């Protein structure tokens, strides 16, 4: 049976996974231009290196202007080209694989041994809409840098993150979103500037547990990400429900 994001394989059922670890890799500068052709090359590179399964389908989800939604499955080799059609939209492509499946490449392998064993859920996010950004770690509140008001915005979910509308205004003072001044409060109480939480592109890698290495041990995969993103930052989201 094909392995899909829903993990319908009867032996590898989602209900047995419990909480998982999710690692977000994103550009270290939110204002750096990230072009769709760069992201298409990154996703295709993951297929060609063997991290993804070229023989199985991926799922594509797209939110376009006006909130129009598209959700479909396609062959893995065609999905890189589908990213190029995401102009003006927020797009994600995703596939689940297992490291013990044939010659599957694990970017977290240490000395040839996968760390940890089990599945990898890869999702590449591409936000090409000028007024939108992705927040990989959804904040519970936005703190206005102008007046200090604390708001609990209803941000639309996109994959495992949320979309931030840059045209949104503070309900107290009317100030527009300011990435360098406004802050986001996370569920653990930590507070960061929005520019430290937001991005236009991100690769999330979900694993059964946190790997030993904070950075990718696989030099080729790490270079692929640098080519696509430039410099990168990583955000860890531990003990979270598996992606749906």
C-alpha atoms as a PDB file:
ATOM      1  CA  UNK A   1       0.000   0.000   0.000  1.00  0.00           C
ATOM      2  CA  UNK A   2       1.457   3.422  -0.872  1.00  0.00           C
ATOM      3  CA  UNK A   3       2.802   5.450   2.015  1.00  0.00           C
ATOM      4  CA  UNK A   4       0.908   8.724   2.251  1.00  0.00           C
ATOM      5  CA  UNK A   5       0.850  11.650   4.641  1.00  0.00           C
ATOM      6  CA  UNK A   6      -2.119  10.097   6.412  1.00  0.00           C
ATOM      7  CA  UNK A   7       0.071   7.087   7.221  1.00  0.00           C
ATOM      8  CA  UNK A   8      -2.536   4.515   6.321  1.00  0.00           C
ATOM      9  CA  UNK A   9      -0.077   1.613   6.240  1.00  0.00           C
ATOM     10  CA  UNK A  10      -1.667  -0.940   8.630  1.00  0.00           C
ATOM     11  CA  UNK A  11       1.712  -1.695  10.252  1.00  0.00           C
ATOM     12  CA  UNK A  12       2.739   1.947  10.596  1.00  0.00           C
ATOM     13  CA  UNK A  13      -0.438   3.489  11.885  1.00  0.00           C
ATOM     14  CA  UNK A  14      -0.531   7.103  13.099  1.00  0.00           C
ATOM     15  CA  UNK A  15      -2.311   6.123  16.307  1.00  0.00           C
ATOM     16  CA  UNK A  16       0.846   4.380  17.515  1.00  0.00           C
ATOM     17  CA  UNK A  17       3.112   7.397  16.998  1.00  0.00           C
ATOM     18  CA  UNK A  18       2.192   9.457  20.038  1.00  0.00           C
ATOM     19  CA  UNK A  19       3.880  12.846  20.222  1.00  0.00           C
ATOM     20  CA  UNK A  20       6.670  13.612  17.766  1.00  0.00           C
ATOM     21  CA  UNK A  21       9.501  16.060  17.150  1.00  0.00           C
ATOM     22  CA  UNK A  22       9.286  18.615  14.354  1.00  0.00           C
ATOM     23  CA  UNK A  23      12.340  20.518  13.111  1.00  0.00           C
ATOM     24  CA  UNK A  24      11.812  23.697  11.083  1.00  0.00           C
ATOM     25  CA  UNK A  25      14.598  24.909   8.783  1.00  0.00           C
ATOM     26  CA  UNK A  26      14.052  28.409   7.384  1.00  0.00           C
ATOM     27  CA  UNK A  27      15.976  31.359   5.911  1.00  0.00           C
ATOM     28  CA  UNK A  28      17.778  33.361   8.600  1.00  0.00           C
ATOM     29  CA  UNK A  29      16.522  36.629   7.109  1.00  0.00           C
ATOM     30  CA  UNK A  30      12.806  37.087   6.474  1.00  0.00           C
ATOM     31  CA  UNK A  31      13.439  39.946   4.041  1.00  0.00           C
ATOM     32  CA  UNK A  32      15.747  37.910   1.792  1.00  0.00           C
ATOM     33  CA  UNK A  33      14.012  37.199  -1.544  1.00  0.00           C
ATOM     34  CA  UNK A  34      13.267  33.487  -1.940  1.00  0.00           C
ATOM     35  CA  UNK A  35      12.159  32.628  -5.466  1.00  0.00           C
ATOM     36  CA  UNK A  36       9.929  29.731  -6.474  1.00  0.00           C
ATOM     37  CA  UNK A  37      12.573  28.291  -8.861  1.00  0.00           C
ATOM     38  CA  UNK A  38      14.963  28.036  -5.886  1.00  0.00           C
ATOM     39  CA  UNK A  39      12.388  26.093  -3.899  1.00  0.00           C
ATOM     40  CA  UNK A  40      11.539  23.861  -6.842  1.00  0.00           C
ATOM     41  CA  UNK A  41      15.240  22.953  -7.154  1.00  0.00           C
ATOM     42  CA  UNK A  42      15.391  22.261  -3.413  1.00  0.00           C
ATOM     43  CA  UNK A  43      12.403  19.907  -3.499  1.00  0.00           C
ATOM     44  CA  UNK A  44      13.642  18.171  -6.643  1.00  0.00           C
ATOM     45  CA  UNK A  45      17.039  17.787  -4.990  1.00  0.00           C
ATOM     46  CA  UNK A  46      15.459  15.958  -2.047  1.00  0.00           C
ATOM     47  CA  UNK A  47      13.923  13.538  -4.542  1.00  0.00           C
ATOM     48  CA  UNK A  48      17.159  13.057  -6.470  1.00  0.00           C
ATOM     49  CA  UNK A  49      19.221  12.500  -3.316  1.00  0.00           C
ATOM     50  CA  UNK A  50      16.781   9.806  -2.178  1.00  0.00           C
ATOM     51  CA  UNK A  51      15.382  11.565   0.884  1.00  0.00           C
ATOM     52  CA  UNK A  52      11.971  11.501  -0.780  1.00  0.00           C
ATOM     53  CA  UNK A  53      10.458   8.526  -2.602  1.00  0.00           C
ATOM     54  CA  UNK A  54      10.285   9.192  -6.346  1.00  0.00           C
ATOM     55  CA  UNK A  55       7.963   6.195  -6.787  1.00  0.00           C
ATOM     56  CA  UNK A  56       5.266   7.509  -4.453  1.00  0.00           C
ATOM     57  CA  UNK A  57       2.926  10.482  -4.676  1.00  0.00           C
ATOM     58  CA  UNK A  58       3.190  13.698  -2.745  1.00  0.00           C
ATOM     59  CA  UNK A  59       0.362  15.933  -1.547  1.00  0.00           C
ATOM     60  CA  UNK A  60       0.142  19.570  -2.589  1.00  0.00           C
ATOM     61  CA  UNK A  61      -1.921  22.170  -0.743  1.00  0.00           C
ATOM     62  CA  UNK A  62      -2.328  25.719  -2.018  1.00  0.00           C
ATOM     63  CA  UNK A  63      -4.091  28.795  -0.668  1.00  0.00           C
ATOM     64  CA  UNK A  64      -4.532  31.397  -3.389  1.00  0.00           C
ATOM     65  CA  UNK A  65      -5.866  34.947  -3.596  1.00  0.00           C
ATOM     66  CA  UNK A  66      -9.185  35.356  -1.837  1.00  0.00           C
ATOM     67  CA  UNK A  67      -8.637  32.172   0.158  1.00  0.00           C
ATOM     68  CA  UNK A  68      -9.176  29.793  -2.774  1.00  0.00           C
ATOM     69  CA  UNK A  69      -7.982  26.311  -1.746  1.00  0.00           C
ATOM     70  CA  UNK A  70      -6.435  23.534  -3.792  1.00  0.00           C
ATOM     71  CA  UNK A  71      -5.572  20.106  -2.427  1.00  0.00           C
ATOM     72  CA  UNK A  72      -4.331  17.308  -4.676  1.00  0.00           C
ATOM     73  CA  UNK A  73      -1.906  14.421  -5.034  1.00  0.00           C
ATOM     74  CA  UNK A  74       0.643  13.994  -7.809  1.00  0.00           C
ATOM     75  CA  UNK A  75       3.780  12.022  -8.699  1.00  0.00           C
ATOM     76  CA  UNK A  76       6.819  13.143  -6.724  1.00  0.00           C
ATOM     77  CA  UNK A  77       8.805  14.068  -9.843  1.00  0.00           C
ATOM     78  CA  UNK A  78       6.009  16.391 -11.001  1.00  0.00           C
ATOM     79  CA  UNK A  79       5.683  18.195  -7.676  1.00  0.00           C
ATOM     80  CA  UNK A  80       8.734  20.426  -8.138  1.00  0.00           C
ATOM     81  CA  UNK A  81       7.172  21.854 -11.280  1.00  0.00           C
ATOM     82  CA  UNK A  82       3.906  22.370  -9.432  1.00  0.00           C
ATOM     83  CA  UNK A  83       5.693  24.681  -6.991  1.00  0.00           C
ATOM     84  CA  UNK A  84       6.440  27.024  -9.889  1.00  0.00           C
ATOM     85  CA  UNK A  85       2.703  27.529 -10.383  1.00  0.00           C
ATOM     86  CA  UNK A  86       2.348  29.038  -6.903  1.00  0.00           C
ATOM     87  CA  UNK A  87       2.854  32.674  -7.860  1.00  0.00           C
ATOM     88  CA  UNK A  88       0.811  34.917  -5.557  1.00  0.00           C
ATOM     89  CA  UNK A  89      -0.139  31.985  -3.310  1.00  0.00           C
ATOM     90  CA  UNK A  90       0.971  29.943  -0.306  1.00  0.00           C
ATOM     91  CA  UNK A  91       1.895  26.395  -1.320  1.00  0.00           C
ATOM     92  CA  UNK A  92       3.119  23.325   0.513  1.00  0.00           C
ATOM     93  CA  UNK A  93       4.256  19.952  -0.775  1.00  0.00           C
ATOM     94  CA  UNK A  94       4.620  17.010   1.571  1.00  0.00           C
ATOM     95  CA  UNK A  95       5.556  13.333   1.702  1.00  0.00           C
ATOM     96  CA  UNK A  96       6.116  10.765   4.458  1.00  0.00           C
ATOM     97  CA  UNK A  97       8.884   8.145   4.082  1.00  0.00           C
ATOM     98  CA  UNK A  98      10.550   5.554   6.341  1.00  0.00           C
ATOM     99  CA  UNK A  99      14.304   5.336   6.714  1.00  0.00           C
ATOM    100  CA  UNK A 100      14.253   1.525   6.502  1.00  0.00           C
ATOM    101  CA  UNK A 101      12.547   1.615   3.104  1.00  0.00           C
ATOM    102  CA  UNK A 102      15.161   0.350   0.639  1.00  0.00           C
ATOM    103  CA  UNK A 103      17.955   2.858  -0.004  1.00  0.00           C
ATOM    104  CA  UNK A 104      16.177   5.763   1.673  1.00  0.00           C
ATOM    105  CA  UNK A 105      18.542   8.564   2.619  1.00  0.00           C
ATOM    106  CA  UNK A 106      18.294   9.958   6.141  1.00  0.00           C
ATOM    107  CA  UNK A 107      19.807  13.450   6.498  1.00  0.00           C
ATOM    108  CA  UNK A 108      20.080  12.849  10.264  1.00  0.00           C
ATOM    109  CA  UNK A 109      22.067   9.622   9.897  1.00  0.00           C
ATOM    110  CA  UNK A 110      25.223   9.546  12.016  1.00  0.00           C
ATOM    111  CA  UNK A 111      27.993   7.213  10.824  1.00  0.00           C
ATOM    112  CA  UNK A 112      25.492   5.495   8.555  1.00  0.00           C
ATOM    113  CA  UNK A 113      22.945   4.869  11.302  1.00  0.00           C
ATOM    114  CA  UNK A 114      19.585   6.655  11.213  1.00  0.00           C
ATOM    115  CA  UNK A 115      18.863   8.841  14.202  1.00  0.00           C
ATOM    116  CA  UNK A 116      16.185   8.074  15.128  1.00  0.00           C
ATOM    117  CA  UNK A 117      14.808   5.063  13.264  1.00  0.00           C
ATOM    118  CA  UNK A 118      11.319   5.397  11.848  1.00  0.00           C
ATOM    119  CA  UNK A 119       9.558   7.898   9.638  1.00  0.00           C
ATOM    120  CA  UNK A 120      10.453  11.277   8.186  1.00  0.00           C
ATOM    121  CA  UNK A 121       7.674  13.681   7.238  1.00  0.00           C
ATOM    122  CA  UNK A 122       9.046  16.306   4.847  1.00  0.00           C
ATOM    123  CA  UNK A 123       7.004  19.430   4.087  1.00  0.00           C
ATOM    124  CA  UNK A 124       8.270  22.357   2.034  1.00  0.00           C
ATOM    125  CA  UNK A 125       6.381  25.643   2.458  1.00  0.00           C
ATOM    126  CA  UNK A 126       6.528  28.403  -0.165  1.00  0.00           C
ATOM    127  CA  UNK A 127       4.746  31.718   0.438  1.00  0.00           C
ATOM    128  CA  UNK A 128       4.882  33.852  -2.714  1.00  0.00           C
ATOM    129  CA  UNK A 129       2.132  36.319  -1.748  1.00  0.00           C
ATOM    130  CA  UNK A 130       3.527  39.758  -0.859  1.00  0.00           C
ATOM    131  CA  UNK A 131       1.042  40.345   1.967  1.00  0.00           C
ATOM    132  CA  UNK A 132       1.516  36.947   3.656  1.00  0.00           C
ATOM    133  CA  UNK A 133       4.186  35.281   5.745  1.00  0.00           C
ATOM    134  CA  UNK A 134       4.377  31.863   7.387  1.00  0.00           C
ATOM    135  CA  UNK A 135       4.673  31.536  11.152  1.00  0.00           C
ATOM    136  CA  UNK A 136       5.939  27.965  11.719  1.00  0.00           C
ATOM    137  CA  UNK A 137       5.310  28.180  15.474  1.00  0.00           C
ATOM    138  CA  UNK A 138       1.801  29.652  15.869  1.00  0.00           C
ATOM    139  CA  UNK A 139       1.841  32.430  18.488  1.00  0.00           C
ATOM    140  CA  UNK A 140      -0.896  32.635  21.094  1.00  0.00           C
ATOM    141  CA  UNK A 141      -0.728  36.433  21.052  1.00  0.00           C
ATOM    142  CA  UNK A 142       0.638  39.383  19.091  1.00  0.00           C
ATOM    143  CA  UNK A 143       2.132  42.263  21.078  1.00  0.00           C
ATOM    144  CA  UNK A 144       1.816  45.563  19.203  1.00  0.00           C
ATOM    145  CA  UNK A 145       5.113  47.440  19.079  1.00  0.00           C
ATOM    146  CA  UNK A 146       3.295  50.743  18.808  1.00  0.00           C
ATOM    147  CA  UNK A 147       0.931  50.752  21.752  1.00  0.00           C
ATOM    148  CA  UNK A 148       1.840  47.549  23.590  1.00  0.00           C
ATOM    149  CA  UNK A 149      -1.623  46.022  23.203  1.00  0.00           C
ATOM    150  CA  UNK A 150      -1.818  42.228  23.504  1.00  0.00           C
ATOM    151  CA  UNK A 151      -4.127  40.626  20.950  1.00  0.00           C
ATOM    152  CA  UNK A 152      -5.062  37.030  20.248  1.00  0.00           C
ATOM    153  CA  UNK A 153      -5.393  37.052  16.460  1.00  0.00           C
ATOM    154  CA  UNK A 154      -7.248  34.331  14.579  1.00  0.00           C
ATOM    155  CA  UNK A 155      -4.567  33.321  12.090  1.00  0.00           C
ATOM    156  CA  UNK A 156      -5.511  30.825   9.353  1.00  0.00           C
ATOM    157  CA  UNK A 157      -3.813  27.452   9.629  1.00  0.00           C
ATOM    158  CA  UNK A 158      -1.535  26.417   6.814  1.00  0.00           C
ATOM    159  CA  UNK A 159      -0.062  22.980   7.235  1.00  0.00           C
ATOM    160  CA  UNK A 160       1.386  22.886  10.733  1.00  0.00           C
ATOM    161  CA  UNK A 161       1.933  26.658  10.811  1.00  0.00           C
ATOM    162  CA  UNK A 162      -0.247  29.738  10.365  1.00  0.00           C
ATOM    163  CA  UNK A 163      -0.337  32.578   7.848  1.00  0.00           C
ATOM    164  CA  UNK A 164       0.317  36.144   8.979  1.00  0.00           C
ATOM    165  CA  UNK A 165      -1.432  38.895   6.998  1.00  0.00           C
ATOM    166  CA  UNK A 166       0.939  41.861   6.885  1.00  0.00           C
ATOM    167  CA  UNK A 167      -1.951  44.210   6.148  1.00  0.00           C
ATOM    168  CA  UNK A 168      -3.625  43.397   9.480  1.00  0.00           C
ATOM    169  CA  UNK A 169      -3.887  46.315  11.897  1.00  0.00           C
ATOM    170  CA  UNK A 170      -3.801  46.577  15.656  1.00  0.00           C
ATOM    171  CA  UNK A 171      -7.364  46.855  16.931  1.00  0.00           C
ATOM    172  CA  UNK A 172      -6.232  49.307  19.610  1.00  0.00           C
ATOM    173  CA  UNK A 173      -4.074  51.853  17.739  1.00  0.00           C
ATOM    174  CA  UNK A 174      -4.598  50.925  14.080  1.00  0.00           C
ATOM    175  CA  UNK A 175      -0.883  50.310  13.398  1.00  0.00           C
ATOM    176  CA  UNK A 176      -0.062  47.829  10.650  1.00  0.00           C
ATOM    177  CA  UNK A 177       2.092  44.781  11.343  1.00  0.00           C
ATOM    178  CA  UNK A 178       5.723  45.778  11.938  1.00  0.00           C
ATOM    179  CA  UNK A 179       8.037  42.755  11.893  1.00  0.00           C
ATOM    180  CA  UNK A 180      10.881  44.590  13.582  1.00  0.00           C
ATOM    181  CA  UNK A 181       8.746  45.998  16.392  1.00  0.00           C
ATOM    182  CA  UNK A 182       5.763  43.695  16.966  1.00  0.00           C
ATOM    183  CA  UNK A 183       6.291  40.527  18.975  1.00  0.00           C
ATOM    184  CA  UNK A 184       4.770  37.074  19.100  1.00  0.00           C
ATOM    185  CA  UNK A 185       4.143  35.208  22.333  1.00  0.00           C
ATOM    186  CA  UNK A 186       4.468  31.427  22.051  1.00  0.00           C
ATOM    187  CA  UNK A 187       2.479  28.888  24.024  1.00  0.00           C
ATOM    188  CA  UNK A 188       5.460  28.268  26.332  1.00  0.00           C
ATOM    189  CA  UNK A 189       5.501  31.961  27.290  1.00  0.00           C
ATOM    190  CA  UNK A 190       8.578  32.888  25.232  1.00  0.00           C
ATOM    191  CA  UNK A 191       8.342  36.206  23.369  1.00  0.00           C
ATOM    192  CA  UNK A 192      10.147  36.964  20.092  1.00  0.00           C
ATOM    193  CA  UNK A 193      10.095  39.698  17.483  1.00  0.00           C
ATOM    194  CA  UNK A 194       7.856  38.638  14.605  1.00  0.00           C
ATOM    195  CA  UNK A 195      10.823  38.875  12.228  1.00  0.00           C
ATOM    196  CA  UNK A 196      12.424  36.036  14.205  1.00  0.00           C
ATOM    197  CA  UNK A 197       9.335  33.830  13.876  1.00  0.00           C
ATOM    198  CA  UNK A 198       8.211  34.596  10.315  1.00  0.00           C
ATOM    199  CA  UNK A 199       9.466  33.353   6.955  1.00  0.00           C
ATOM    200  CA  UNK A 200       8.556  33.091   3.277  1.00  0.00           C
ATOM    201  CA  UNK A 201       9.781  29.519   2.958  1.00  0.00           C
ATOM    202  CA  UNK A 202      10.523  26.647   5.303  1.00  0.00           C
ATOM    203  CA  UNK A 203      11.275  22.945   5.299  1.00  0.00           C
ATOM    204  CA  UNK A 204       9.813  20.999   8.191  1.00  0.00           C
ATOM    205  CA  UNK A 205      11.151  17.540   8.987  1.00  0.00           C
ATOM    206  CA  UNK A 206       9.093  15.530  11.432  1.00  0.00           C
ATOM    207  CA  UNK A 207      10.730  12.627  13.282  1.00  0.00           C
ATOM    208  CA  UNK A 208       9.592  10.191  16.000  1.00  0.00           C
ATOM    209  CA  UNK A 209      11.875  11.948  18.509  1.00  0.00           C
ATOM    210  CA  UNK A 210      14.527  14.671  18.639  1.00  0.00           C
ATOM    211  CA  UNK A 211      17.728  13.689  16.798  1.00  0.00           C
ATOM    212  CA  UNK A 212      21.072  13.834  18.580  1.00  0.00           C
ATOM    213  CA  UNK A 213      22.452  16.404  16.148  1.00  0.00           C
ATOM    214  CA  UNK A 214      20.957  19.894  16.136  1.00  0.00           C
ATOM    215  CA  UNK A 215      22.257  20.451  12.598  1.00  0.00           C
ATOM    216  CA  UNK A 216      21.951  18.170   9.580  1.00  0.00           C
ATOM    217  CA  UNK A 217      24.884  15.708   9.573  1.00  0.00           C
ATOM    218  CA  UNK A 218      24.333  15.069   5.835  1.00  0.00           C
ATOM    219  CA  UNK A 219      26.568  17.619   4.065  1.00  0.00           C
ATOM    220  CA  UNK A 220      24.828  17.294   0.688  1.00  0.00           C
ATOM    221  CA  UNK A 221      21.364  17.914   2.114  1.00  0.00           C
ATOM    222  CA  UNK A 222      22.696  20.819   4.188  1.00  0.00           C
ATOM    223  CA  UNK A 223      24.236  22.353   1.046  1.00  0.00           C
ATOM    224  CA  UNK A 224      20.974  21.853  -0.826  1.00  0.00           C
ATOM    225  CA  UNK A 225      19.212  23.905   1.852  1.00  0.00           C
ATOM    226  CA  UNK A 226      21.858  26.638   1.753  1.00  0.00           C
ATOM    227  CA  UNK A 227      21.470  26.844  -2.008  1.00  0.00           C
ATOM    228  CA  UNK A 228      17.709  27.216  -1.639  1.00  0.00           C
ATOM    229  CA  UNK A 229      17.497  29.455   1.429  1.00  0.00           C
ATOM    230  CA  UNK A 230      20.876  31.127   1.825  1.00  0.00           C
ATOM    231  CA  UNK A 231      21.809  31.170   5.515  1.00  0.00           C
ATOM    232  CA  UNK A 232      19.395  29.185   7.668  1.00  0.00           C
ATOM    233  CA  UNK A 233      17.959  29.082  11.168  1.00  0.00           C
ATOM    234  CA  UNK A 234      16.297  26.130  12.883  1.00  0.00           C
ATOM    235  CA  UNK A 235      13.286  26.051  15.179  1.00  0.00           C
ATOM    236  CA  UNK A 236      12.510  22.959  17.238  1.00  0.00           C
ATOM    237  CA  UNK A 237       8.947  21.979  18.118  1.00  0.00           C
ATOM    238  CA  UNK A 238       9.075  19.013  20.474  1.00  0.00           C
ATOM    239  CA  UNK A 239       6.337  16.796  21.882  1.00  0.00           C
ATOM    240  CA  UNK A 240       3.714  17.838  19.342  1.00  0.00           C
ATOM    241  CA  UNK A 241       0.949  15.796  17.677  1.00  0.00           C
ATOM    242  CA  UNK A 242       1.974  14.300  14.320  1.00  0.00           C
ATOM    243  CA  UNK A 243       1.006  16.201  11.180  1.00  0.00           C
ATOM    244  CA  UNK A 244      -2.365  15.415   9.674  1.00  0.00           C
END
